[in-house]
């Protein structure tokens, strides 16, 4: 996917998970853990967060929690630049000095739109940005990864065709929100040194305070709605497990029930479950009181984990009051 001393571009529509993937790659290399099952050599990484700094920090916190890592594990390996750099020969000079000192293996620039000077459809403006990118590449020997958006037709990155020609590799990211959790796919669409066409898939799994990418081969085996759900089969976000307020004694079991019935089971009709359904299950099978389940339901709603799907006369399977499990994804 990436080569040393090269230029790469990751692109996709807004909200497709491209920044999730870039951050996952960055933190994986900075900690030295395998990426999608493949061993990698630990190396320094610089990530320029030109926009979305707050949400990206939440994503990094969720990633560390999910992978059982601490912030101290990133010391000396992961550098964040939390403001835009101008991608011109003059504007990039201070950043080039940083790259010369750190000598990262990967440099992520998120996003092009926040750092490019000029018109993205202009070949001459791209050439000016390309000179700045080459300065970063030569100073570090890194793969410099530009995060970008798709063009109007949705099949390639925005801007002049000269930009595509100037990249050693390109990766297109898409998302399928018709399944729960949402499925993110990355496809290698350009590779100067080899054949394109490699693909990687993940689920965008809720994990407080944001979400993390979980490779699809690491998913629990899908189960049918209504079947018995064992504690070890259902992962529950840390925020829910640590809840100390109203509904505390039932909230984990309620979360497991909703995840199992509307998320893990991947119900193609997305029927959802109502509070009445949940009380029927948890009172009878888990020995919780109706009041405690109601309070737990309210808490999960307040946390943003329950998504209401309203009844629709054109879709009779959708019942009033039905909800799906839906963790924060943005």
Protein backbone atom coordinates (compact mmCIF):
# COMPACT_ATOMS: atom_id res chain seq x y z
CA UNK A 1 0.00 0.00 0.00
CA UNK A 2 2.77 2.47 0.92
CA UNK A 3 6.39 2.69 -0.18
CA UNK A 4 9.30 4.52 1.43
CA UNK A 5 10.23 7.85 -0.15
CA UNK A 6 6.97 8.09 -2.10
CA UNK A 7 3.73 10.02 -2.46
CA UNK A 8 0.32 8.49 -1.80
CA UNK A 9 -3.26 9.68 -1.66
CA UNK A 10 -6.21 8.31 0.34
CA UNK A 11 -9.54 9.61 -0.94
CA UNK A 12 -13.25 9.14 -0.43
CA UNK A 13 -16.50 11.03 0.20
CA UNK A 14 -17.09 12.90 3.49
CA UNK A 15 -17.76 10.54 6.41
CA UNK A 16 -16.50 7.43 4.61
CA UNK A 17 -13.90 6.53 7.25
CA UNK A 18 -10.74 7.65 5.43
CA UNK A 19 -9.42 9.58 8.45
CA UNK A 20 -10.27 6.59 10.66
CA UNK A 21 -8.13 4.42 8.38
CA UNK A 22 -5.27 6.91 8.19
CA UNK A 23 -5.19 7.32 11.96
CA UNK A 24 -5.38 3.54 12.42
CA UNK A 25 -2.37 3.11 10.12
CA UNK A 26 -0.46 5.90 11.83
CA UNK A 27 -1.00 4.56 15.35
CA UNK A 28 -0.32 0.99 14.25
CA UNK A 29 3.08 1.92 12.86
CA UNK A 30 3.87 4.15 15.86
CA UNK A 31 3.17 1.28 18.27
CA UNK A 32 4.51 -1.54 16.10
CA UNK A 33 1.47 -3.82 16.34
CA UNK A 34 0.36 -5.88 13.29
CA UNK A 35 -1.88 -4.11 10.79
CA UNK A 36 -4.72 -6.26 9.43
CA UNK A 37 -2.79 -9.34 10.51
CA UNK A 38 0.47 -8.31 8.84
CA UNK A 39 3.57 -7.62 10.98
CA UNK A 40 5.15 -4.20 10.50
CA UNK A 41 8.37 -2.50 11.58
CA UNK A 42 7.78 0.10 14.27
CA UNK A 43 8.74 3.57 13.07
CA UNK A 44 8.05 7.26 13.81
CA UNK A 45 4.95 8.88 12.30
CA UNK A 46 3.88 12.50 11.89
CA UNK A 47 0.17 13.26 11.52
CA UNK A 48 -0.91 16.75 10.46
CA UNK A 49 -4.47 17.32 11.67
CA UNK A 50 -5.35 20.41 9.70
CA UNK A 51 -9.03 20.02 10.63
CA UNK A 52 -11.12 18.00 13.06
CA UNK A 53 -8.46 18.10 15.77
CA UNK A 54 -10.88 17.45 18.63
CA UNK A 55 -12.65 14.50 17.03
CA UNK A 56 -9.35 12.99 15.87
CA UNK A 57 -8.04 13.13 19.42
CA UNK A 58 -11.16 11.27 20.55
CA UNK A 59 -10.54 8.71 17.82
CA UNK A 60 -6.93 8.27 18.96
CA UNK A 61 -8.09 7.82 22.57
CA UNK A 62 -10.60 5.18 21.48
CA UNK A 63 -7.93 3.42 19.39
CA UNK A 64 -5.50 3.28 22.34
CA UNK A 65 -8.21 1.93 24.63
CA UNK A 66 -9.32 -0.73 22.14
CA UNK A 67 -5.74 -1.90 21.50
CA UNK A 68 -4.77 -1.79 25.19
CA UNK A 69 -2.16 0.91 24.68
CA UNK A 70 -1.34 4.02 26.70
CA UNK A 71 -0.46 7.54 25.62
CA UNK A 72 3.05 6.93 26.95
CA UNK A 73 3.47 4.19 24.34
CA UNK A 74 3.46 6.91 21.67
CA UNK A 75 6.27 8.93 23.26
CA UNK A 76 9.00 9.47 20.69
CA UNK A 77 7.05 7.64 17.98
CA UNK A 78 3.94 9.69 17.17
CA UNK A 79 3.91 13.42 16.50
CA UNK A 80 0.75 15.47 15.94
CA UNK A 81 0.73 18.85 14.20
CA UNK A 82 -2.66 20.32 15.09
CA UNK A 83 -2.78 23.16 12.61
CA UNK A 84 -2.68 23.44 8.84
CA UNK A 85 0.61 23.88 7.01
CA UNK A 86 0.71 25.71 3.68
CA UNK A 87 1.69 23.29 0.95
CA UNK A 88 3.96 25.71 -0.86
CA UNK A 89 7.75 25.71 -1.00
CA UNK A 90 7.91 28.64 1.41
CA UNK A 91 5.04 27.59 3.68
CA UNK A 92 6.32 24.06 4.21
CA UNK A 93 9.87 24.96 5.28
CA UNK A 94 9.31 24.82 9.09
CA UNK A 95 7.58 21.47 8.71
CA UNK A 96 10.42 20.18 6.53
CA UNK A 97 12.83 21.00 9.37
CA UNK A 98 10.67 18.94 11.73
CA UNK A 99 10.71 16.01 9.29
CA UNK A 100 14.50 16.21 8.99
CA UNK A 101 14.74 15.90 12.78
CA UNK A 102 12.10 13.20 13.36
CA UNK A 103 12.80 11.11 10.23
CA UNK A 104 9.28 9.59 10.11
CA UNK A 105 8.39 6.59 7.98
CA UNK A 106 4.89 7.97 7.35
CA UNK A 107 3.62 11.55 7.10
CA UNK A 108 -0.15 12.05 6.95
CA UNK A 109 -1.58 15.35 5.69
CA UNK A 110 -5.28 15.50 6.64
CA UNK A 111 -6.76 17.05 4.50
CA UNK A 112 -5.50 18.46 1.19
CA UNK A 113 -8.43 20.87 1.08
CA UNK A 114 -7.24 22.57 4.27
CA UNK A 115 -3.61 22.95 3.14
CA UNK A 116 -3.46 23.40 -0.64
CA UNK A 117 -2.96 26.93 -1.90
CA UNK A 118 -4.72 27.69 -5.17
CA UNK A 119 -7.23 25.89 -7.34
CA UNK A 120 -7.29 22.10 -7.11
CA UNK A 121 -8.28 21.73 -10.78
CA UNK A 122 -5.29 23.77 -11.88
CA UNK A 123 -2.31 21.74 -13.09
CA UNK A 124 0.06 24.62 -12.28
CA UNK A 125 -1.28 24.96 -8.71
CA UNK A 126 -0.94 21.22 -8.24
CA UNK A 127 2.65 21.41 -9.52
CA UNK A 128 3.37 24.01 -6.83
CA UNK A 129 1.87 21.72 -4.16
CA UNK A 130 3.79 18.76 -5.59
CA UNK A 131 7.08 20.62 -5.10
CA UNK A 132 6.17 21.14 -1.44
CA UNK A 133 5.25 17.47 -1.03
CA UNK A 134 8.56 16.47 -2.60
CA UNK A 135 10.41 18.67 -0.12
CA UNK A 136 8.75 16.74 2.74
CA UNK A 137 9.47 13.41 1.07
CA UNK A 138 13.15 14.14 0.45
CA UNK A 139 13.70 15.53 3.96
CA UNK A 140 12.24 12.46 5.66
CA UNK A 141 12.48 9.56 3.21
CA UNK A 142 8.87 8.89 4.24
CA UNK A 143 5.76 7.97 2.36
CA UNK A 144 3.82 11.24 2.36
CA UNK A 145 0.08 10.45 2.45
CA UNK A 146 -2.40 13.10 1.33
CA UNK A 147 -5.99 12.72 2.56
CA UNK A 148 -8.43 13.95 -0.09
CA UNK A 149 -12.08 13.88 -1.18
CA UNK A 150 -13.73 12.31 -4.21
CA UNK A 151 -14.73 14.36 -7.22
CA UNK A 152 -18.26 14.90 -8.45
CA UNK A 153 -18.50 11.52 -10.15
CA UNK A 154 -17.40 9.78 -6.96
CA UNK A 155 -14.94 7.36 -8.55
CA UNK A 156 -11.67 9.29 -8.34
CA UNK A 157 -10.07 11.97 -6.21
CA UNK A 158 -10.85 15.63 -6.73
CA UNK A 159 -8.71 17.90 -8.83
CA UNK A 160 -6.59 17.73 -11.93
CA UNK A 161 -5.64 14.42 -13.52
CA UNK A 162 -2.03 15.50 -13.07
CA UNK A 163 -2.48 14.81 -9.35
CA UNK A 164 -3.31 11.17 -10.00
CA UNK A 165 -0.34 10.85 -12.34
CA UNK A 166 1.89 12.29 -9.65
CA UNK A 167 0.98 9.71 -6.99
CA UNK A 168 2.84 6.44 -6.48
CA UNK A 169 -0.24 4.84 -4.89
CA UNK A 170 -3.88 5.80 -4.40
CA UNK A 171 -6.42 4.22 -2.04
CA UNK A 172 -10.17 4.77 -2.39
CA UNK A 173 -12.25 4.46 0.79
CA UNK A 174 -16.00 3.79 0.82
CA UNK A 175 -18.56 3.07 3.53
CA UNK A 176 -21.70 0.94 3.70
CA UNK A 177 -24.09 2.26 6.35
CA UNK A 178 -26.84 -0.20 5.49
CA UNK A 179 -25.20 -2.71 7.83
CA UNK A 180 -24.48 -2.34 11.54
CA UNK A 181 -21.79 -1.50 12.47
CA UNK A 182 -21.01 0.37 9.26
CA UNK A 183 -18.59 -1.41 6.91
CA UNK A 184 -15.55 0.50 5.63
CA UNK A 185 -13.67 -0.72 2.55
CA UNK A 186 -10.30 0.48 1.22
CA UNK A 187 -9.28 -0.40 -2.34
CA UNK A 188 -5.84 0.11 -3.85
CA UNK A 189 -6.73 1.81 -7.15
CA UNK A 190 -3.24 2.88 -8.25
CA UNK A 191 0.20 1.33 -7.64
CA UNK A 192 3.14 2.29 -9.83
CA UNK A 193 5.28 -0.55 -8.49
CA UNK A 194 2.74 -3.37 -8.61
CA UNK A 195 -0.81 -4.31 -9.56
CA UNK A 196 -3.71 -2.37 -8.02
CA UNK A 197 -6.81 -4.08 -6.71
CA UNK A 198 -5.99 -5.06 -3.12
CA UNK A 199 -8.85 -4.49 -0.67
CA UNK A 200 -9.21 -4.27 3.11
CA UNK A 201 -12.48 -4.18 5.06
CA UNK A 202 -13.40 -3.16 8.60
CA UNK A 203 -16.41 -2.52 10.80
CA UNK A 204 -16.65 0.95 12.34
CA UNK A 205 -17.15 -0.34 15.86
CA UNK A 206 -18.37 2.10 18.57
CA UNK A 207 -15.79 2.45 21.34
CA UNK A 208 -15.93 5.44 23.69
CA UNK A 209 -15.23 8.26 23.07
CA UNK A 210 -15.35 7.72 19.29
CA UNK A 211 -15.13 4.52 17.24
CA UNK A 212 -12.42 2.19 15.95
CA UNK A 213 -11.90 0.14 12.82
CA UNK A 214 -12.13 -3.58 13.52
CA UNK A 215 -10.99 -5.87 10.65
CA UNK A 216 -13.90 -7.97 9.43
CA UNK A 217 -11.98 -11.18 10.10
CA UNK A 218 -11.93 -10.20 13.79
CA UNK A 219 -15.72 -9.81 13.96
CA UNK A 220 -17.79 -12.13 16.14
CA UNK A 221 -19.54 -14.83 14.13
CA UNK A 222 -22.92 -13.38 13.03
CA UNK A 223 -25.87 -14.84 14.87
CA UNK A 224 -29.57 -14.79 14.14
CA UNK A 225 -31.88 -12.38 15.96
CA UNK A 226 -33.69 -13.98 18.85
CA UNK A 227 -31.04 -16.63 19.60
CA UNK A 228 -29.37 -16.89 22.99
CA UNK A 229 -26.69 -14.30 23.56
CA UNK A 230 -23.77 -15.15 25.85
CA UNK A 231 -21.73 -12.49 27.63
CA UNK A 232 -18.53 -13.42 25.81
CA UNK A 233 -20.23 -13.01 22.42
CA UNK A 234 -21.08 -9.34 22.76
CA UNK A 235 -18.58 -6.51 23.18
CA UNK A 236 -19.88 -3.50 25.13
CA UNK A 237 -18.28 -0.03 25.02
CA UNK A 238 -16.20 0.95 28.04
CA UNK A 239 -18.41 3.97 28.66
CA UNK A 240 -21.39 1.68 29.18
CA UNK A 241 -19.49 -0.81 31.33
CA UNK A 242 -18.31 2.00 33.63
CA UNK A 243 -21.71 3.67 33.96
CA UNK A 244 -22.55 4.45 37.59
CA UNK A 245 -25.87 6.29 37.29
CA UNK A 246 -29.50 5.21 37.01
CA UNK A 247 -30.08 1.82 35.45
CA UNK A 248 -26.57 0.71 36.36
CA UNK A 249 -27.46 -2.90 37.14
CA UNK A 250 -29.21 -3.47 33.80
CA UNK A 251 -27.36 -1.20 31.38
CA UNK A 252 -24.69 -3.72 30.30
CA UNK A 253 -27.23 -6.48 29.70
CA UNK A 254 -29.45 -4.04 27.81
CA UNK A 255 -26.53 -2.94 25.65
CA UNK A 256 -25.67 -6.57 24.89
CA UNK A 257 -29.27 -7.28 23.95
CA UNK A 258 -29.50 -4.31 21.58
CA UNK A 259 -26.09 -4.97 20.03
CA UNK A 260 -26.90 -8.64 19.51
CA UNK A 261 -30.38 -8.10 18.11
CA UNK A 262 -29.79 -5.05 15.87
CA UNK A 263 -26.04 -4.94 15.28
CA UNK A 264 -24.22 -8.29 15.48
CA UNK A 265 -27.09 -10.12 13.85
CA UNK A 266 -27.03 -7.78 10.83
CA UNK A 267 -30.81 -8.03 10.42
CA UNK A 268 -31.36 -7.25 6.71
CA UNK A 269 -34.74 -5.68 7.43
CA UNK A 270 -33.37 -3.53 10.23
CA UNK A 271 -36.55 -4.01 12.22
CA UNK A 272 -35.07 -2.66 15.41
CA UNK A 273 -36.22 -3.39 18.96
CA UNK A 274 -38.57 -1.48 21.23
CA UNK A 275 -38.34 -0.80 24.94
CA UNK A 276 -41.17 -3.30 25.36
CA UNK A 277 -39.08 -5.94 23.58
CA UNK A 278 -36.12 -5.19 25.83
CA UNK A 279 -38.16 -5.33 29.03
CA UNK A 280 -39.72 -8.62 27.96
CA UNK A 281 -36.26 -10.14 27.45
CA UNK A 282 -34.39 -8.66 30.40
CA UNK A 283 -37.14 -9.12 32.99
CA UNK A 284 -37.83 -12.72 32.03
CA UNK A 285 -34.34 -13.96 31.13
CA UNK A 286 -32.02 -11.68 33.12
CA UNK A 287 -34.11 -11.00 36.24
CA UNK A 288 -34.05 -7.20 35.97
CA UNK A 289 -36.97 -5.05 37.06
CA UNK A 290 -38.98 -3.13 34.47
CA UNK A 291 -38.07 0.18 36.12
CA UNK A 292 -34.34 -0.56 36.00
CA UNK A 293 -34.54 -1.51 32.32
CA UNK A 294 -36.45 1.70 31.55
CA UNK A 295 -33.79 3.76 33.29
CA UNK A 296 -30.99 1.92 31.48
CA UNK A 297 -32.77 2.52 28.18
CA UNK A 298 -32.92 6.26 28.91
CA UNK A 299 -29.21 6.30 29.75
CA UNK A 300 -28.25 4.56 26.49
CA UNK A 301 -30.38 7.06 24.58
CA UNK A 302 -28.61 9.95 26.33
CA UNK A 303 -25.23 8.44 25.44
CA UNK A 304 -26.22 8.29 21.79
CA UNK A 305 -26.17 4.49 21.49
CA UNK A 306 -29.84 3.99 20.54
CA UNK A 307 -31.10 5.26 17.19
CA UNK A 308 -34.85 5.61 16.70
CA UNK A 309 -36.35 4.31 13.44
CA UNK A 310 -39.83 5.70 12.97
CA UNK A 311 -42.75 3.79 11.55
CA UNK A 312 -43.20 4.27 7.81
CA UNK A 313 -46.39 3.32 5.92
CA UNK A 314 -44.23 2.25 2.98
CA UNK A 315 -42.14 0.00 5.22
CA UNK A 316 -44.59 -1.82 7.52
CA UNK A 317 -41.83 -3.82 9.21
CA UNK A 318 -40.68 -0.64 10.95
CA UNK A 319 -42.59 -0.28 14.19
CA UNK A 320 -43.18 2.89 16.15
CA UNK A 321 -40.70 3.05 19.01
CA UNK A 322 -38.22 0.64 17.41
CA UNK A 323 -34.53 1.42 17.88
CA UNK A 324 -31.20 0.21 16.51
CA UNK A 325 -27.87 0.10 18.31
CA UNK A 326 -25.81 2.95 16.91
CA UNK A 327 -22.58 4.17 18.49
CA UNK A 328 -21.03 7.59 17.75
CA UNK A 329 -19.18 7.26 14.42
CA UNK A 330 -18.05 10.74 13.47
